Amino acid sequence: MNHRFFRKWRKNPTSWIGLILVLLVVVMGMFAEWIAPFDPLKQDLENALTGASLEHWMGTDYNGRDIFSRIVFGARISITVGIGASLISLILGTFIGLISGFFGGVLERILMRFTDIVFGFPALLFMIALTAAFPPSLLLTFLAIGAVSWPPTARLIRAHVLKIRESQFITAEIALGIPTWKILLKHVIPNTLSPLIVIFTMGMANAVLAEASLSFLGLGAQPPLPSWGAMISTGREFLYHAPHISLWPGLAIATAVFGFNLLGDSLRDAQEI
């Protein structure tokens, strides 16, 4: 990450669009108590299934709960799960890619074959199996997402480490007998920070979408928590006469995923210098 990288990133218009959308979702999640006009769990059956109005900007659901307030608090769930799952994926993928790329040999072949097995297994099916085997919770959700999303990270980090390992300064330090852990901490890991930031940003989009998918199936955040995926699922019964119940959380998911993907793409493009 240098000045040339940031100059190129700033000149890309999509980077600002992605950053604004990401900040919008993050700010909603962080300051939900101050932004949401109503308690997202409070029911008002007399005002159930109402459309958009001055009081309820996005209408109400079948229990009379304010949809805008639930969208705002749902951003907190999506961001929490996204960060947790992306961190788990990043740590696992970085560790495996670092070890296999730097040490090579039999250890590399074993780790890469294991990576291929996990990569080839249907991710959604594996997440459903994990979340179905234990009581559903947010903790289990981001553990399941993180446990299946690390193989691309491992492959990319391994490729970067292979290039770094062939550098003359790494060869010189190995010849001088510098401990391996010092070489990894001082030279190898810092040189992988740039791709790691890109991986983390784009991984957030996948994690938000995966959390919404699991919640839609009833295996993620449980009612009455305002998860975007669960809101879409419960609104299916009212699509004909109250489509706004599923429409707004669907747009929220699309906005978050689009924002993280745009930001990740712009960081990746700026990295290619």
C-alpha atoms as a PDB file:
ATOM      1  CA  MET A   1       0.000   0.000   0.000  1.00  0.00           C
ATOM      2  CA  ASN A   2       1.762   3.155  -1.181  1.00  0.00           C
ATOM      3  CA  HIS A   3       0.930   6.622  -2.459  1.00  0.00           C
ATOM      4  CA  ARG A   4       0.745   5.385  -6.043  1.00  0.00           C
ATOM      5  CA  PHE A   5      -1.835   2.783  -5.033  1.00  0.00           C
ATOM      6  CA  PHE A   6      -4.076   5.355  -3.329  1.00  0.00           C
ATOM      7  CA  ARG A   7      -3.741   7.832  -6.183  1.00  0.00           C
ATOM      8  CA  LYS A   8      -4.902   5.209  -8.661  1.00  0.00           C
ATOM      9  CA  TRP A   9      -7.704   4.123  -6.327  1.00  0.00           C
ATOM     10  CA  ARG A  10      -8.972   7.690  -5.903  1.00  0.00           C
ATOM     11  CA  LYS A  11      -9.144   8.237  -9.662  1.00  0.00           C
ATOM     12  CA  ASN A  12     -11.502   5.289 -10.123  1.00  0.00           C
ATOM     13  CA  PRO A  13     -15.133   6.566  -9.854  1.00  0.00           C
ATOM     14  CA  THR A  14     -16.455   3.133  -8.899  1.00  0.00           C
ATOM     15  CA  SER A  15     -14.251   3.155  -5.807  1.00  0.00           C
ATOM     16  CA  TRP A  16     -16.164   6.108  -4.380  1.00  0.00           C
ATOM     17  CA  ILE A  17     -19.536   4.591  -5.216  1.00  0.00           C
ATOM     18  CA  GLY A  18     -18.556   1.361  -3.474  1.00  0.00           C
ATOM     19  CA  LEU A  19     -17.121   3.226  -0.486  1.00  0.00           C
ATOM     20  CA  ILE A  20     -20.288   5.316  -0.058  1.00  0.00           C
ATOM     21  CA  LEU A  21     -22.554   2.256  -0.212  1.00  0.00           C
ATOM     22  CA  VAL A  22     -20.359   0.354   2.254  1.00  0.00           C
ATOM     23  CA  LEU A  23     -20.232   3.314   4.645  1.00  0.00           C
ATOM     24  CA  LEU A  24     -24.021   3.638   4.406  1.00  0.00           C
ATOM     25  CA  VAL A  25     -24.508   0.034   5.533  1.00  0.00           C
ATOM     26  CA  VAL A  26     -21.808   0.244   8.217  1.00  0.00           C
ATOM     27  CA  VAL A  27     -23.157   3.502   9.667  1.00  0.00           C
ATOM     28  CA  MET A  28     -26.677   2.046   9.782  1.00  0.00           C
ATOM     29  CA  GLY A  29     -25.405  -0.953  11.698  1.00  0.00           C
ATOM     30  CA  MET A  30     -23.245   1.048  14.120  1.00  0.00           C
ATOM     31  CA  PHE A  31     -25.816   3.720  14.935  1.00  0.00           C
ATOM     32  CA  ALA A  32     -29.028   1.715  14.536  1.00  0.00           C
ATOM     33  CA  GLU A  33     -30.446   2.894  17.882  1.00  0.00           C
ATOM     34  CA  TRP A  34     -30.241   6.540  16.787  1.00  0.00           C
ATOM     35  CA  ILE A  35     -31.290   6.058  13.151  1.00  0.00           C
ATOM     36  CA  ALA A  36     -34.259   3.691  13.542  1.00  0.00           C
ATOM     37  CA  PRO A  37     -37.450   5.605  14.477  1.00  0.00           C
ATOM     38  CA  PHE A  38     -39.112   2.554  16.082  1.00  0.00           C
ATOM     39  CA  ASP A  39     -38.224  -0.516  18.102  1.00  0.00           C
ATOM     40  CA  PRO A  40     -37.656  -3.219  15.442  1.00  0.00           C
ATOM     41  CA  LEU A  41     -39.241  -5.875  17.688  1.00  0.00           C
ATOM     42  CA  LYS A  42     -42.296  -3.912  18.826  1.00  0.00           C
ATOM     43  CA  GLN A  43     -45.557  -5.196  17.354  1.00  0.00           C
ATOM     44  CA  ASP A  44     -48.512  -3.023  16.407  1.00  0.00           C
ATOM     45  CA  LEU A  45     -51.169  -5.334  14.973  1.00  0.00           C
ATOM     46  CA  GLU A  46     -53.566  -2.468  14.301  1.00  0.00           C
ATOM     47  CA  ASN A  47     -51.127  -1.097  11.714  1.00  0.00           C
ATOM     48  CA  ALA A  48     -50.110  -4.424  10.183  1.00  0.00           C
ATOM     49  CA  LEU A  49     -49.340  -4.617   6.451  1.00  0.00           C
ATOM     50  CA  THR A  50     -49.598  -0.878   5.839  1.00  0.00           C
ATOM     51  CA  GLY A  51     -47.804   0.716   2.916  1.00  0.00           C
ATOM     52  CA  ALA A  52     -45.288   3.555   2.940  1.00  0.00           C
ATOM     53  CA  SER A  53     -46.384   6.634   4.884  1.00  0.00           C
ATOM     54  CA  LEU A  54     -44.913   9.623   6.701  1.00  0.00           C
ATOM     55  CA  GLU A  55     -44.843   7.603   9.919  1.00  0.00           C
ATOM     56  CA  HIS A  56     -43.614   4.319   8.434  1.00  0.00           C
ATOM     57  CA  TRP A  57     -41.362   5.195   5.493  1.00  0.00           C
ATOM     58  CA  MET A  58     -41.197   1.632   4.174  1.00  0.00           C
ATOM     59  CA  GLY A  59     -44.483   0.384   5.575  1.00  0.00           C
ATOM     60  CA  THR A  60     -45.034  -2.309   8.192  1.00  0.00           C
ATOM     61  CA  ASP A  61     -44.915  -6.098   8.176  1.00  0.00           C
ATOM     62  CA  TYR A  62     -47.586  -8.646   9.159  1.00  0.00           C
ATOM     63  CA  ASN A  63     -46.994  -7.916  12.862  1.00  0.00           C
ATOM     64  CA  GLY A  64     -47.123  -4.158  12.421  1.00  0.00           C
ATOM     65  CA  ARG A  65     -43.365  -3.737  12.924  1.00  0.00           C
ATOM     66  CA  ASP A  66     -41.703  -0.840  11.151  1.00  0.00           C
ATOM     67  CA  ILE A  67     -39.770  -2.227   8.154  1.00  0.00           C
ATOM     68  CA  PHE A  68     -37.311   0.667   7.952  1.00  0.00           C
ATOM     69  CA  SER A  69     -36.295   0.128  11.583  1.00  0.00           C
ATOM     70  CA  ARG A  70     -35.842  -3.585  10.944  1.00  0.00           C
ATOM     71  CA  ILE A  71     -33.751  -2.848   7.836  1.00  0.00           C
ATOM     72  CA  VAL A  72     -31.495  -0.580   9.888  1.00  0.00           C
ATOM     73  CA  PHE A  73     -31.003  -3.121  12.680  1.00  0.00           C
ATOM     74  CA  GLY A  74     -30.625  -5.877  10.088  1.00  0.00           C
ATOM     75  CA  ALA A  75     -27.548  -4.047   8.785  1.00  0.00           C
ATOM     76  CA  ARG A  76     -25.895  -4.677  12.166  1.00  0.00           C
ATOM     77  CA  ILE A  77     -26.497  -8.433  11.854  1.00  0.00           C
ATOM     78  CA  SER A  78     -25.196  -8.548   8.289  1.00  0.00           C
ATOM     79  CA  ILE A  79     -22.066  -6.530   9.090  1.00  0.00           C
ATOM     80  CA  THR A  80     -21.359  -8.543  12.258  1.00  0.00           C
ATOM     81  CA  VAL A  81     -21.676 -11.871  10.469  1.00  0.00           C
ATOM     82  CA  GLY A  82     -19.763 -10.533   7.468  1.00  0.00           C
ATOM     83  CA  ILE A  83     -16.809  -9.346   9.532  1.00  0.00           C
ATOM     84  CA  GLY A  84     -16.742 -12.493  11.673  1.00  0.00           C
ATOM     85  CA  ALA A  85     -16.964 -14.883   8.727  1.00  0.00           C
ATOM     86  CA  SER A  86     -14.443 -12.933   6.651  1.00  0.00           C
ATOM     87  CA  LEU A  87     -11.945 -12.866   9.526  1.00  0.00           C
ATOM     88  CA  ILE A  88     -12.245 -16.622  10.052  1.00  0.00           C
ATOM     89  CA  SER A  89     -11.848 -17.233   6.327  1.00  0.00           C
ATOM     90  CA  LEU A  90      -8.909 -14.823   6.158  1.00  0.00           C
ATOM     91  CA  ILE A  91      -7.077 -16.393   9.102  1.00  0.00           C
ATOM     92  CA  LEU A  92      -7.553 -19.978   7.907  1.00  0.00           C
ATOM     93  CA  GLY A  93      -6.736 -19.205   4.282  1.00  0.00           C
ATOM     94  CA  THR A  94      -3.709 -17.075   5.137  1.00  0.00           C
ATOM     95  CA  PHE A  95      -2.275 -19.672   7.509  1.00  0.00           C
ATOM     96  CA  ILE A  96      -2.661 -22.554   5.059  1.00  0.00           C
ATOM     97  CA  GLY A  97      -1.453 -20.515   2.077  1.00  0.00           C
ATOM     98  CA  LEU A  98       1.500 -19.151   4.043  1.00  0.00           C
ATOM     99  CA  ILE A  99       2.663 -22.536   5.322  1.00  0.00           C
ATOM    100  CA  SER A 100       2.202 -24.388   2.036  1.00  0.00           C
ATOM    101  CA  GLY A 101       3.785 -21.634  -0.072  1.00  0.00           C
ATOM    102  CA  PHE A 102       6.822 -21.034   2.133  1.00  0.00           C
ATOM    103  CA  PHE A 103       7.737 -24.576   3.180  1.00  0.00           C
ATOM    104  CA  GLY A 104       6.585 -26.532   0.107  1.00  0.00           C
ATOM    105  CA  GLY A 105       7.270 -30.247  -0.178  1.00  0.00           C
ATOM    106  CA  VAL A 106       4.955 -32.909   1.201  1.00  0.00           C
ATOM    107  CA  LEU A 107       3.287 -30.450   3.561  1.00  0.00           C
ATOM    108  CA  GLU A 108       2.317 -28.235   0.647  1.00  0.00           C
ATOM    109  CA  ARG A 109       0.842 -31.138  -1.314  1.00  0.00           C
ATOM    110  CA  ILE A 110      -1.230 -32.299   1.672  1.00  0.00           C
ATOM    111  CA  LEU A 111      -2.555 -28.810   2.443  1.00  0.00           C
ATOM    112  CA  MET A 112      -3.350 -28.045  -1.189  1.00  0.00           C
ATOM    113  CA  ARG A 113      -5.172 -31.357  -1.715  1.00  0.00           C
ATOM    114  CA  PHE A 114      -7.216 -30.615   1.419  1.00  0.00           C
ATOM    115  CA  THR A 115      -7.918 -27.151   0.018  1.00  0.00           C
ATOM    116  CA  ASP A 116      -9.080 -28.683  -3.279  1.00  0.00           C
ATOM    117  CA  ILE A 117     -11.453 -31.011  -1.413  1.00  0.00           C
ATOM    118  CA  VAL A 118     -13.048 -28.165   0.538  1.00  0.00           C
ATOM    119  CA  PHE A 119     -13.147 -25.980  -2.586  1.00  0.00           C
ATOM    120  CA  GLY A 120     -14.904 -28.692  -4.578  1.00  0.00           C
ATOM    121  CA  PHE A 121     -17.584 -29.342  -1.944  1.00  0.00           C
ATOM    122  CA  PRO A 122     -20.819 -27.325  -2.448  1.00  0.00           C
ATOM    123  CA  ALA A 123     -20.434 -24.433  -0.010  1.00  0.00           C
ATOM    124  CA  LEU A 124     -24.135 -23.816   0.601  1.00  0.00           C
ATOM    125  CA  LEU A 125     -24.786 -27.509   1.212  1.00  0.00           C
ATOM    126  CA  PHE A 126     -21.929 -27.655   3.713  1.00  0.00           C
ATOM    127  CA  MET A 127     -23.198 -24.533   5.522  1.00  0.00           C
ATOM    128  CA  ILE A 128     -26.702 -25.985   5.685  1.00  0.00           C
ATOM    129  CA  ALA A 129     -25.312 -29.233   7.120  1.00  0.00           C
ATOM    130  CA  LEU A 130     -23.342 -27.375   9.809  1.00  0.00           C
ATOM    131  CA  THR A 131     -26.145 -25.048  10.821  1.00  0.00           C
ATOM    132  CA  ALA A 132     -28.720 -27.862  10.778  1.00  0.00           C
ATOM    133  CA  ALA A 133     -26.593 -30.051  13.069  1.00  0.00           C
ATOM    134  CA  PHE A 134     -26.537 -27.477  15.873  1.00  0.00           C
ATOM    135  CA  PRO A 135     -29.024 -24.972  17.310  1.00  0.00           C
ATOM    136  CA  PRO A 136     -29.171 -21.953  14.954  1.00  0.00           C
ATOM    137  CA  SER A 137     -27.345 -18.825  16.149  1.00  0.00           C
ATOM    138  CA  LEU A 138     -25.386 -15.919  14.731  1.00  0.00           C
ATOM    139  CA  LEU A 139     -22.153 -17.380  16.103  1.00  0.00           C
ATOM    140  CA  LEU A 140     -22.757 -20.665  14.313  1.00  0.00           C
ATOM    141  CA  THR A 141     -23.705 -18.778  11.149  1.00  0.00           C
ATOM    142  CA  PHE A 142     -20.418 -16.936  10.712  1.00  0.00           C
ATOM    143  CA  LEU A 143     -18.435 -19.973  11.871  1.00  0.00           C
ATOM    144  CA  ALA A 144     -20.108 -22.041   9.149  1.00  0.00           C
ATOM    145  CA  ILE A 145     -19.589 -19.375   6.482  1.00  0.00           C
ATOM    146  CA  GLY A 146     -15.950 -18.865   7.460  1.00  0.00           C
ATOM    147  CA  ALA A 147     -15.290 -22.614   7.551  1.00  0.00           C
ATOM    148  CA  VAL A 148     -16.130 -23.073   3.853  1.00  0.00           C
ATOM    149  CA  SER A 149     -14.962 -19.795   2.278  1.00  0.00           C
ATOM    150  CA  TRP A 150     -11.197 -19.900   2.934  1.00  0.00           C
ATOM    151  CA  PRO A 151      -9.890 -22.027  -0.039  1.00  0.00           C
ATOM    152  CA  PRO A 152      -9.655 -19.113  -2.556  1.00  0.00           C
ATOM    153  CA  THR A 153      -7.704 -17.122   0.050  1.00  0.00           C
ATOM    154  CA  ALA A 154      -5.317 -20.032   0.636  1.00  0.00           C
ATOM    155  CA  ARG A 155      -4.655 -20.409  -3.094  1.00  0.00           C
ATOM    156  CA  LEU A 156      -4.030 -16.705  -3.650  1.00  0.00           C
ATOM    157  CA  ILE A 157      -1.761 -16.283  -0.617  1.00  0.00           C
ATOM    158  CA  ARG A 158       0.214 -19.393  -1.593  1.00  0.00           C
ATOM    159  CA  ALA A 159       0.823 -17.914  -5.051  1.00  0.00           C
ATOM    160  CA  HIS A 160       2.053 -14.630  -3.541  1.00  0.00           C
ATOM    161  CA  VAL A 161       4.266 -16.397  -1.004  1.00  0.00           C
ATOM    162  CA  LEU A 162       5.854 -18.508  -3.758  1.00  0.00           C
ATOM    163  CA  LYS A 163       6.920 -15.303  -5.521  1.00  0.00           C
ATOM    164  CA  ILE A 164       8.188 -13.692  -2.327  1.00  0.00           C
ATOM    165  CA  ARG A 165      10.131 -16.805  -1.313  1.00  0.00           C
ATOM    166  CA  GLU A 166      12.214 -16.610  -4.506  1.00  0.00           C
ATOM    167  CA  SER A 167      13.309 -13.042  -3.746  1.00  0.00           C
ATOM    168  CA  GLN A 168      17.011 -12.503  -3.164  1.00  0.00           C
ATOM    169  CA  PHE A 169      16.591 -10.939   0.277  1.00  0.00           C
ATOM    170  CA  ILE A 170      14.587 -13.971   1.476  1.00  0.00           C
ATOM    171  CA  THR A 171      17.242 -16.321   0.107  1.00  0.00           C
ATOM    172  CA  ALA A 172      19.948 -14.275   1.832  1.00  0.00           C
ATOM    173  CA  GLU A 173      18.167 -14.332   5.195  1.00  0.00           C
ATOM    174  CA  ILE A 174      17.646 -18.098   4.990  1.00  0.00           C
ATOM    175  CA  ALA A 175      21.353 -18.518   4.189  1.00  0.00           C
ATOM    176  CA  LEU A 176      22.268 -16.350   7.187  1.00  0.00           C
ATOM    177  CA  GLY A 177      20.266 -18.614   9.456  1.00  0.00           C
ATOM    178  CA  ILE A 178      17.544 -16.091  10.350  1.00  0.00           C
ATOM    179  CA  PRO A 179      14.710 -17.910  12.159  1.00  0.00           C
ATOM    180  CA  THR A 180      11.812 -18.765   9.876  1.00  0.00           C
ATOM    181  CA  TRP A 181       9.226 -17.078  12.083  1.00  0.00           C
ATOM    182  CA  LYS A 182      11.128 -13.777  11.849  1.00  0.00           C
ATOM    183  CA  ILE A 183      11.268 -14.004   8.063  1.00  0.00           C
ATOM    184  CA  LEU A 184       7.534 -14.683   7.916  1.00  0.00           C
ATOM    185  CA  LEU A 185       6.624 -11.849  10.298  1.00  0.00           C
ATOM    186  CA  LYS A 186       9.019  -9.210   8.946  1.00  0.00           C
ATOM    187  CA  HIS A 187       8.920  -9.838   5.217  1.00  0.00           C
ATOM    188  CA  VAL A 188       6.429 -12.416   3.966  1.00  0.00           C
ATOM    189  CA  ILE A 189       3.254 -11.406   5.818  1.00  0.00           C
ATOM    190  CA  PRO A 190       3.689  -7.611   5.278  1.00  0.00           C
ATOM    191  CA  ASN A 191       4.084  -8.226   1.540  1.00  0.00           C
ATOM    192  CA  THR A 192       0.739 -10.053   1.432  1.00  0.00           C
ATOM    193  CA  LEU A 193      -1.272  -7.297   3.152  1.00  0.00           C
ATOM    194  CA  SER A 194      -2.370  -5.700  -0.115  1.00  0.00           C
ATOM    195  CA  PRO A 195      -4.091  -8.821  -1.532  1.00  0.00           C
ATOM    196  CA  LEU A 196      -5.453  -9.638   1.937  1.00  0.00           C
ATOM    197  CA  ILE A 197      -7.313  -6.320   2.099  1.00  0.00           C
ATOM    198  CA  VAL A 198      -8.858  -6.993  -1.312  1.00  0.00           C
ATOM    199  CA  ILE A 199      -9.807 -10.547  -0.287  1.00  0.00           C
ATOM    200  CA  PHE A 200     -11.384  -9.343   2.961  1.00  0.00           C
ATOM    201  CA  THR A 201     -13.455  -6.652   1.229  1.00  0.00           C
ATOM    202  CA  MET A 202     -14.802  -8.969  -1.452  1.00  0.00           C
ATOM    203  CA  GLY A 203     -15.307 -11.723   1.134  1.00  0.00           C
ATOM    204  CA  MET A 204     -17.654  -9.415   3.028  1.00  0.00           C
ATOM    205  CA  ALA A 205     -20.028  -9.390   0.050  1.00  0.00           C
ATOM    206  CA  ASN A 206     -20.093 -13.180  -0.093  1.00  0.00           C
ATOM    207  CA  ALA A 207     -20.577 -13.433   3.677  1.00  0.00           C
ATOM    208  CA  VAL A 208     -23.521 -10.998   3.677  1.00  0.00           C
ATOM    209  CA  LEU A 209     -25.164 -12.964   0.865  1.00  0.00           C
ATOM    210  CA  ALA A 210     -24.485 -16.302   2.597  1.00  0.00           C
ATOM    211  CA  GLU A 211     -25.963 -15.046   5.880  1.00  0.00           C
ATOM    212  CA  ALA A 212     -29.071 -13.858   4.067  1.00  0.00           C
ATOM    213  CA  SER A 213     -29.387 -17.248   2.339  1.00  0.00           C
ATOM    214  CA  LEU A 214     -29.118 -19.185   5.599  1.00  0.00           C
ATOM    215  CA  SER A 215     -31.568 -16.863   7.355  1.00  0.00           C
ATOM    216  CA  PHE A 216     -33.963 -17.206   4.409  1.00  0.00           C
ATOM    217  CA  LEU A 217     -33.885 -20.984   4.962  1.00  0.00           C
ATOM    218  CA  GLY A 218     -34.435 -20.532   8.705  1.00  0.00           C
ATOM    219  CA  LEU A 219     -30.892 -21.625   9.635  1.00  0.00           C
ATOM    220  CA  GLY A 220     -29.385 -18.222  10.434  1.00  0.00           C
ATOM    221  CA  ALA A 221     -30.650 -15.464  12.692  1.00  0.00           C
ATOM    222  CA  GLN A 222     -33.845 -16.592  14.379  1.00  0.00           C
ATOM    223  CA  PRO A 223     -37.085 -14.603  14.801  1.00  0.00           C
ATOM    224  CA  PRO A 224     -37.726 -12.001  15.966  1.00  0.00           C
ATOM    225  CA  LEU A 225     -34.206 -10.788  15.055  1.00  0.00           C
ATOM    226  CA  PRO A 226     -34.433  -8.498  11.998  1.00  0.00           C
ATOM    227  CA  SER A 227     -32.247 -10.424   9.557  1.00  0.00           C
ATOM    228  CA  TRP A 228     -32.676  -9.342   5.944  1.00  0.00           C
ATOM    229  CA  GLY A 229     -32.871 -12.920   4.688  1.00  0.00           C
ATOM    230  CA  ALA A 230     -35.480 -13.870   7.279  1.00  0.00           C
ATOM    231  CA  MET A 231     -37.524 -10.763   6.402  1.00  0.00           C
ATOM    232  CA  ILE A 232     -37.633 -11.815   2.749  1.00  0.00           C
ATOM    233  CA  SER A 233     -38.660 -15.330   3.753  1.00  0.00           C
ATOM    234  CA  THR A 234     -41.525 -14.222   6.003  1.00  0.00           C
ATOM    235  CA  GLY A 235     -42.747 -11.784   3.367  1.00  0.00           C
ATOM    236  CA  ARG A 236     -43.269 -14.482   0.728  1.00  0.00           C
ATOM    237  CA  GLU A 237     -46.810 -15.140   1.965  1.00  0.00           C
ATOM    238  CA  PHE A 238     -47.781 -11.514   1.338  1.00  0.00           C
ATOM    239  CA  LEU A 239     -46.121 -10.865  -2.027  1.00  0.00           C
ATOM    240  CA  TYR A 240     -49.391 -10.182  -3.836  1.00  0.00           C
ATOM    241  CA  HIS A 241     -50.904  -7.579  -1.518  1.00  0.00           C
ATOM    242  CA  ALA A 242     -47.858  -6.438   0.519  1.00  0.00           C
ATOM    243  CA  PRO A 243     -44.732  -6.903  -1.663  1.00  0.00           C
ATOM    244  CA  HIS A 244     -42.866  -4.206   0.269  1.00  0.00           C
ATOM    245  CA  ILE A 245     -42.184  -6.673   3.110  1.00  0.00           C
ATOM    246  CA  SER A 246     -39.746  -8.608   0.907  1.00  0.00           C
ATOM    247  CA  LEU A 247     -38.812  -5.811  -1.496  1.00  0.00           C
ATOM    248  CA  TRP A 248     -36.986  -3.533   0.941  1.00  0.00           C
ATOM    249  CA  PRO A 249     -34.762  -6.161   2.596  1.00  0.00           C
ATOM    250  CA  GLY A 250     -33.972  -7.524  -0.870  1.00  0.00           C
ATOM    251  CA  LEU A 251     -32.824  -4.070  -1.961  1.00  0.00           C
ATOM    252  CA  ALA A 252     -30.786  -3.768   1.245  1.00  0.00           C
ATOM    253  CA  ILE A 253     -28.954  -7.021   0.477  1.00  0.00           C
ATOM    254  CA  ALA A 254     -28.345  -5.941  -3.112  1.00  0.00           C
ATOM    255  CA  THR A 255     -26.986  -2.564  -1.955  1.00  0.00           C
ATOM    256  CA  ALA A 256     -24.584  -4.119   0.566  1.00  0.00           C
ATOM    257  CA  VAL A 257     -23.305  -6.798  -1.824  1.00  0.00           C
ATOM    258  CA  PHE A 258     -22.973  -4.317  -4.682  1.00  0.00           C
ATOM    259  CA  GLY A 259     -21.083  -1.853  -2.490  1.00  0.00           C
ATOM    260  CA  PHE A 260     -18.583  -4.395  -1.172  1.00  0.00           C
ATOM    261  CA  ASN A 261     -18.026  -5.834  -4.649  1.00  0.00           C
ATOM    262  CA  LEU A 262     -17.418  -2.396  -6.155  1.00  0.00           C
ATOM    263  CA  LEU A 263     -15.002  -1.483  -3.365  1.00  0.00           C
ATOM    264  CA  GLY A 264     -13.179  -4.791  -3.689  1.00  0.00           C
ATOM    265  CA  ASP A 265     -12.937  -4.479  -7.479  1.00  0.00           C
ATOM    266  CA  SER A 266     -11.538  -0.959  -7.227  1.00  0.00           C
ATOM    267  CA  LEU A 267      -8.931  -2.062  -4.672  1.00  0.00           C
ATOM    268  CA  ARG A 268      -7.967  -4.976  -6.914  1.00  0.00           C
ATOM    269  CA  ASP A 269      -7.640  -2.710  -9.964  1.00  0.00           C
ATOM    270  CA  ALA A 270      -5.518  -0.211  -8.009  1.00  0.00           C
ATOM    271  CA  GLN A 271      -3.307  -3.052  -6.843  1.00  0.00           C
ATOM    272  CA  GLU A 272      -2.453  -3.999 -10.419  1.00  0.00           C
ATOM    273  CA  ILE A 273       0.244  -1.382 -10.926  1.00  0.00           C
END
